[in-house]
Structure formats: C-alpha cells, structure tokens
C-alpha cells in the first residue's frame, strides 16, 4: 500500500511540473528544445590572400567588425580590427577594382 502512495505522489509532482511549464510557456518565460542561434550569418570570409604556400592573410567580417588575420604553420594572429563600414567603403573606391556582382 505504501508503494502506491509513493507512486501517486511522484505522479502528482510530475503533473504539477508539467502544469507549471505549460503556464510559463504560455506567458513566454520558458522554451522547450535547444537554444537556436540567431538567423543569418554573423561571420563571413570576405577575402583571402596567399602570401606563400603556408602563409595567408584573411579578411573576415564578424558582425559589424572586419578582422585581418594572418595564418601560418605557427598559428593565427589578429593583425588589425576595423569597423566593417570602413572596409566596404574602401573596397568600393579602390582604383582598378571592379564592383562585386
């Protein structure tokens, strides 16, 4: 008889938890499932320049910031960080460079 009482208590606790979760979801305070990343790309490789077979420079856009990164067999190193608008404005005004697409 004691086992049935314990099972009823566990079922009651689970029912209360589900009711609380349902109420929180209706109010917008809780979510089920995995946390989803924001839509759209936050990181994008703008350009790559090969200096040698093992050394390259990368221009990467990360949100509103442009990063110049050097890659070599010894590792990667951040060379410069700029506002992305400055890089885009400069790229459009370079002589001899065609407009992209």
N, C-alpha and C. Protein backbone atom coordinates (compact mmCIF):
# COMPACT_ATOMS: atom_id res chain seq x y z
N UNK A 1 0.81 -1.19 0.00
CA UNK A 1 0.00 0.00 0.00
C UNK A 1 0.87 1.27 0.00
N UNK A 2 2.01 1.18 0.69
CA UNK A 2 2.91 2.33 0.76
C UNK A 2 3.49 2.65 -0.62
N UNK A 3 3.74 1.64 -1.44
CA UNK A 3 4.28 1.82 -2.78
C UNK A 3 3.30 2.60 -3.66
N UNK A 4 2.03 2.30 -3.55
CA UNK A 4 1.02 3.01 -4.35
C UNK A 4 0.96 4.48 -3.95
N UNK A 5 1.08 4.77 -2.70
CA UNK A 5 1.09 6.16 -2.23
C UNK A 5 2.28 6.93 -2.76
N UNK A 6 3.45 6.27 -2.81
CA UNK A 6 4.65 6.92 -3.34
C UNK A 6 4.51 7.18 -4.84
N UNK A 7 3.93 6.22 -5.55
CA UNK A 7 3.74 6.39 -7.00
C UNK A 7 2.75 7.53 -7.28
N UNK A 8 1.73 7.63 -6.49
CA UNK A 8 0.77 8.72 -6.66
C UNK A 8 1.43 10.06 -6.37
N UNK A 9 2.29 10.11 -5.36
CA UNK A 9 3.00 11.35 -5.02
C UNK A 9 3.92 11.77 -6.17
N UNK A 10 4.65 10.81 -6.75
CA UNK A 10 5.54 11.11 -7.88
C UNK A 10 4.72 11.60 -9.07
N UNK A 11 3.61 10.95 -9.37
CA UNK A 11 2.76 11.36 -10.49
C UNK A 11 2.20 12.75 -10.26
N UNK A 12 1.83 13.06 -9.03
CA UNK A 12 1.30 14.39 -8.71
C UNK A 12 2.37 15.47 -8.89
N UNK A 13 3.61 15.19 -8.46
CA UNK A 13 4.71 16.15 -8.63
C UNK A 13 4.98 16.38 -10.11
N UNK A 14 5.02 15.31 -10.91
CA UNK A 14 5.25 15.45 -12.34
C UNK A 14 4.12 16.24 -13.01
N UNK A 15 2.89 15.98 -12.61
CA UNK A 15 1.75 16.73 -13.17
C UNK A 15 1.86 18.21 -12.82
N UNK A 16 2.27 18.53 -11.61
CA UNK A 16 2.44 19.94 -11.22
C UNK A 16 3.57 20.61 -12.01
N UNK A 17 4.65 19.87 -12.22
CA UNK A 17 5.76 20.41 -13.02
C UNK A 17 5.34 20.69 -14.45
N UNK A 18 4.61 19.75 -15.05
CA UNK A 18 4.13 19.96 -16.42
C UNK A 18 3.15 21.13 -16.49
N UNK A 19 2.29 21.26 -15.49
CA UNK A 19 1.35 22.38 -15.47
C UNK A 19 2.10 23.71 -15.33
N UNK A 20 3.12 23.74 -14.50
CA UNK A 20 3.91 24.96 -14.33
C UNK A 20 4.65 25.30 -15.62
N UNK A 21 5.23 24.30 -16.29
CA UNK A 21 5.92 24.52 -17.56
C UNK A 21 4.96 25.04 -18.61
N UNK A 22 3.77 24.45 -18.69
CA UNK A 22 2.78 24.90 -19.65
C UNK A 22 2.41 26.37 -19.38
N UNK A 23 2.22 26.72 -18.12
CA UNK A 23 1.86 28.08 -17.76
C UNK A 23 2.99 29.06 -18.12
N UNK A 24 4.24 28.67 -17.83
CA UNK A 24 5.39 29.53 -18.16
C UNK A 24 5.55 29.70 -19.67
N UNK A 25 5.31 28.63 -20.42
CA UNK A 25 5.40 28.73 -21.88
C UNK A 25 4.33 29.66 -22.42
N UNK A 26 3.14 29.59 -21.89
CA UNK A 26 2.05 30.46 -22.35
C UNK A 26 2.37 31.93 -22.07
N UNK A 27 3.08 32.20 -20.99
CA UNK A 27 3.47 33.56 -20.64
C UNK A 27 4.73 34.01 -21.37
N UNK A 28 5.44 33.09 -22.02
CA UNK A 28 6.65 33.43 -22.75
C UNK A 28 7.91 33.40 -21.92
N UNK A 29 7.87 32.77 -20.75
CA UNK A 29 9.04 32.72 -19.88
C UNK A 29 9.89 31.47 -20.05
N UNK A 30 9.39 30.45 -20.74
CA UNK A 30 10.13 29.20 -20.88
C UNK A 30 10.01 28.69 -22.30
N UNK A 31 11.03 27.94 -22.74
CA UNK A 31 11.00 27.33 -24.06
C UNK A 31 11.39 25.87 -23.92
N UNK A 32 10.89 25.08 -24.83
CA UNK A 32 11.31 23.69 -24.91
C UNK A 32 12.23 23.54 -26.11
N UNK A 33 13.15 22.62 -26.04
CA UNK A 33 14.05 22.39 -27.16
C UNK A 33 15.36 23.12 -26.99
N UNK A 34 16.21 22.95 -27.97
CA UNK A 34 17.54 23.56 -27.93
C UNK A 34 17.46 25.05 -28.19
N UNK A 35 18.43 25.77 -27.68
CA UNK A 35 18.53 27.20 -27.94
C UNK A 35 18.99 27.37 -29.37
N UNK A 36 18.25 28.13 -30.14
CA UNK A 36 18.55 28.29 -31.56
C UNK A 36 19.45 29.50 -31.75
N UNK A 37 20.46 29.37 -32.63
CA UNK A 37 21.31 30.53 -32.91
C UNK A 37 20.53 31.57 -33.71
N UNK A 38 20.96 32.82 -33.66
CA UNK A 38 20.27 33.84 -34.43
C UNK A 38 20.34 33.54 -35.92
N UNK A 39 19.31 33.95 -36.63
CA UNK A 39 19.27 33.70 -38.07
C UNK A 39 20.24 34.63 -38.78
N UNK A 40 20.73 34.16 -39.92
CA UNK A 40 21.68 34.96 -40.68
C UNK A 40 23.10 34.64 -40.26
N UNK A 41 24.02 34.97 -41.13
CA UNK A 41 25.42 34.68 -40.85
C UNK A 41 26.03 35.83 -40.08
N UNK A 42 26.73 35.49 -39.03
CA UNK A 42 27.41 36.51 -38.23
C UNK A 42 28.87 36.61 -38.62
N UNK A 43 29.43 35.55 -39.19
CA UNK A 43 30.84 35.55 -39.59
C UNK A 43 30.93 35.18 -41.05
N UNK A 44 31.73 35.94 -41.80
CA UNK A 44 31.85 35.72 -43.23
C UNK A 44 33.28 36.05 -43.67
N UNK A 45 33.86 35.19 -44.50
CA UNK A 45 35.19 35.46 -45.05
C UNK A 45 35.01 36.35 -46.26
N UNK A 46 35.58 37.55 -46.21
CA UNK A 46 35.45 38.49 -47.31
C UNK A 46 36.51 38.24 -48.37
N UNK A 47 37.76 38.08 -47.96
CA UNK A 47 38.84 37.86 -48.92
C UNK A 47 39.92 36.98 -48.30
N UNK A 48 40.73 36.39 -49.21
CA UNK A 48 41.88 35.58 -48.80
C UNK A 48 43.02 35.92 -49.72
N UNK A 49 44.19 36.14 -49.16
CA UNK A 49 45.37 36.46 -49.95
C UNK A 49 46.48 35.50 -49.56
N UNK A 50 46.94 34.68 -50.52
CA UNK A 50 48.02 33.73 -50.27
C UNK A 50 49.35 34.46 -50.41
N UNK A 51 50.14 34.46 -49.35
CA UNK A 51 51.46 35.08 -49.37
C UNK A 51 52.52 34.06 -49.77
N UNK A 52 52.34 32.84 -49.35
CA UNK A 52 53.20 31.71 -49.71
C UNK A 52 52.33 30.46 -49.56
N UNK A 53 52.85 29.29 -49.90
CA UNK A 53 52.01 28.10 -49.75
C UNK A 53 51.51 27.86 -48.32
N UNK A 54 52.20 28.38 -47.32
CA UNK A 54 51.79 28.13 -45.95
C UNK A 54 51.41 29.39 -45.17
N UNK A 55 51.44 30.54 -45.83
CA UNK A 55 51.13 31.80 -45.16
C UNK A 55 50.02 32.52 -45.93
N UNK A 56 48.97 32.91 -45.23
CA UNK A 56 47.85 33.61 -45.87
C UNK A 56 47.35 34.73 -44.97
N UNK A 57 46.73 35.70 -45.62
CA UNK A 57 46.01 36.76 -44.91
C UNK A 57 44.53 36.56 -45.20
N UNK A 58 43.72 36.73 -44.18
CA UNK A 58 42.27 36.58 -44.32
C UNK A 58 41.61 37.86 -43.85
N UNK A 59 40.62 38.32 -44.61
CA UNK A 59 39.77 39.43 -44.20
C UNK A 59 38.42 38.83 -43.84
N UNK A 60 38.05 38.93 -42.57
CA UNK A 60 36.85 38.27 -42.04
C UNK A 60 35.92 39.33 -41.47
N UNK A 61 34.64 39.24 -41.82
CA UNK A 61 33.63 40.12 -41.23
C UNK A 61 32.96 39.37 -40.10
N UNK A 62 32.97 39.96 -38.92
CA UNK A 62 32.34 39.38 -37.73
C UNK A 62 31.37 40.42 -37.19
N UNK A 63 30.11 40.29 -37.58
CA UNK A 63 29.11 41.30 -37.19
C UNK A 63 29.41 42.61 -37.89
N UNK A 64 29.66 43.67 -37.14
CA UNK A 64 29.97 44.98 -37.70
C UNK A 64 31.46 45.28 -37.68
N UNK A 65 32.29 44.25 -37.49
CA UNK A 65 33.73 44.43 -37.40
C UNK A 65 34.43 43.61 -38.46
N UNK A 66 35.45 44.19 -39.07
CA UNK A 66 36.28 43.47 -40.03
C UNK A 66 37.61 43.16 -39.36
N UNK A 67 38.07 41.92 -39.51
CA UNK A 67 39.31 41.47 -38.89
C UNK A 67 40.29 41.05 -39.98
N UNK A 68 41.54 41.46 -39.84
CA UNK A 68 42.61 40.98 -40.71
C UNK A 68 43.40 39.97 -39.89
N UNK A 69 43.41 38.72 -40.37
CA UNK A 69 44.02 37.61 -39.63
C UNK A 69 45.11 37.00 -40.48
N UNK A 70 46.28 36.78 -39.89
CA UNK A 70 47.38 36.10 -40.56
C UNK A 70 47.41 34.65 -40.10
N UNK A 71 47.52 33.73 -41.07
CA UNK A 71 47.58 32.30 -40.75
C UNK A 71 48.89 31.74 -41.26
N UNK A 72 49.55 30.95 -40.41
CA UNK A 72 50.82 30.33 -40.77
C UNK A 72 50.91 28.98 -40.04
N UNK A 73 51.93 28.20 -40.32
CA UNK A 73 52.07 26.93 -39.60
C UNK A 73 52.21 27.13 -38.09
N UNK A 74 52.68 28.29 -37.67
CA UNK A 74 52.84 28.56 -36.24
C UNK A 74 51.51 28.92 -35.56
N UNK A 75 50.48 29.23 -36.35
CA UNK A 75 49.18 29.56 -35.78
C UNK A 75 48.56 30.76 -36.48
N UNK A 76 47.55 31.34 -35.85
CA UNK A 76 46.85 32.50 -36.38
C UNK A 76 47.11 33.70 -35.48
N UNK A 77 47.08 34.89 -36.10
CA UNK A 77 47.31 36.10 -35.33
C UNK A 77 46.44 37.21 -35.88
N UNK A 78 45.77 37.92 -34.99
CA UNK A 78 44.96 39.06 -35.38
C UNK A 78 45.89 40.24 -35.64
N UNK A 79 45.84 40.77 -36.87
CA UNK A 79 46.71 41.90 -37.22
C UNK A 79 46.01 43.23 -37.03
N UNK A 80 44.71 43.27 -37.38
CA UNK A 80 44.00 44.55 -37.31
C UNK A 80 42.51 44.31 -37.18
N UNK A 81 41.85 45.20 -36.49
CA UNK A 81 40.40 45.16 -36.33
C UNK A 81 39.85 46.53 -36.74
N UNK A 82 38.88 46.53 -37.66
CA UNK A 82 38.33 47.77 -38.19
C UNK A 82 36.81 47.72 -38.20
N UNK A 83 36.15 48.88 -38.25
CA UNK A 83 34.70 48.84 -38.49
C UNK A 83 34.44 48.33 -39.91
N UNK A 84 33.45 47.50 -40.06
CA UNK A 84 33.17 46.88 -41.35
C UNK A 84 32.79 47.92 -42.40
N UNK A 85 32.16 49.01 -42.00
CA UNK A 85 31.75 50.03 -42.96
C UNK A 85 32.96 50.68 -43.62
N UNK A 86 34.06 50.84 -42.88
CA UNK A 86 35.26 51.43 -43.44
C UNK A 86 35.87 50.52 -44.50
N UNK A 87 35.84 49.23 -44.28
CA UNK A 87 36.40 48.27 -45.24
C UNK A 87 35.57 48.24 -46.50
N UNK A 88 34.24 48.23 -46.37
CA UNK A 88 33.36 48.18 -47.53
C UNK A 88 33.46 49.46 -48.35
N UNK A 89 33.56 50.61 -47.69
CA UNK A 89 33.69 51.88 -48.40
C UNK A 89 35.01 51.94 -49.14
N UNK A 90 36.08 51.45 -48.53
CA UNK A 90 37.39 51.45 -49.15
C UNK A 90 37.43 50.49 -50.33
N UNK A 91 36.80 49.33 -50.22
CA UNK A 91 36.80 48.35 -51.30
C UNK A 91 36.05 48.88 -52.52
N UNK A 92 35.01 49.65 -52.31
CA UNK A 92 34.25 50.19 -53.44
C UNK A 92 35.03 51.28 -54.15
N UNK A 93 35.92 51.97 -53.46
CA UNK A 93 36.65 53.08 -54.05
C UNK A 93 38.04 52.76 -54.53
N UNK A 94 38.48 51.51 -54.48
CA UNK A 94 39.83 51.16 -54.91
C UNK A 94 39.95 51.28 -56.43
N UNK A 95 41.01 51.94 -56.94
CA UNK A 95 41.20 52.02 -58.39
C UNK A 95 41.56 50.66 -58.97
N UNK A 96 41.03 50.37 -60.14
CA UNK A 96 41.34 49.11 -60.80
C UNK A 96 40.54 47.95 -60.29
N UNK A 97 39.68 48.16 -59.36
CA UNK A 97 38.90 47.05 -58.81
C UNK A 97 37.47 47.15 -59.35
N UNK A 98 36.97 46.04 -59.85
CA UNK A 98 35.62 46.02 -60.40
C UNK A 98 34.63 45.86 -59.26
N UNK A 99 33.45 46.39 -59.47
CA UNK A 99 32.39 46.24 -58.46
C UNK A 99 31.98 44.78 -58.38
N UNK A 100 31.82 44.30 -57.18
CA UNK A 100 31.44 42.90 -56.98
C UNK A 100 29.99 42.69 -57.38
N UNK A 101 29.78 41.74 -58.25
CA UNK A 101 28.43 41.35 -58.72
C UNK A 101 27.65 42.51 -59.17
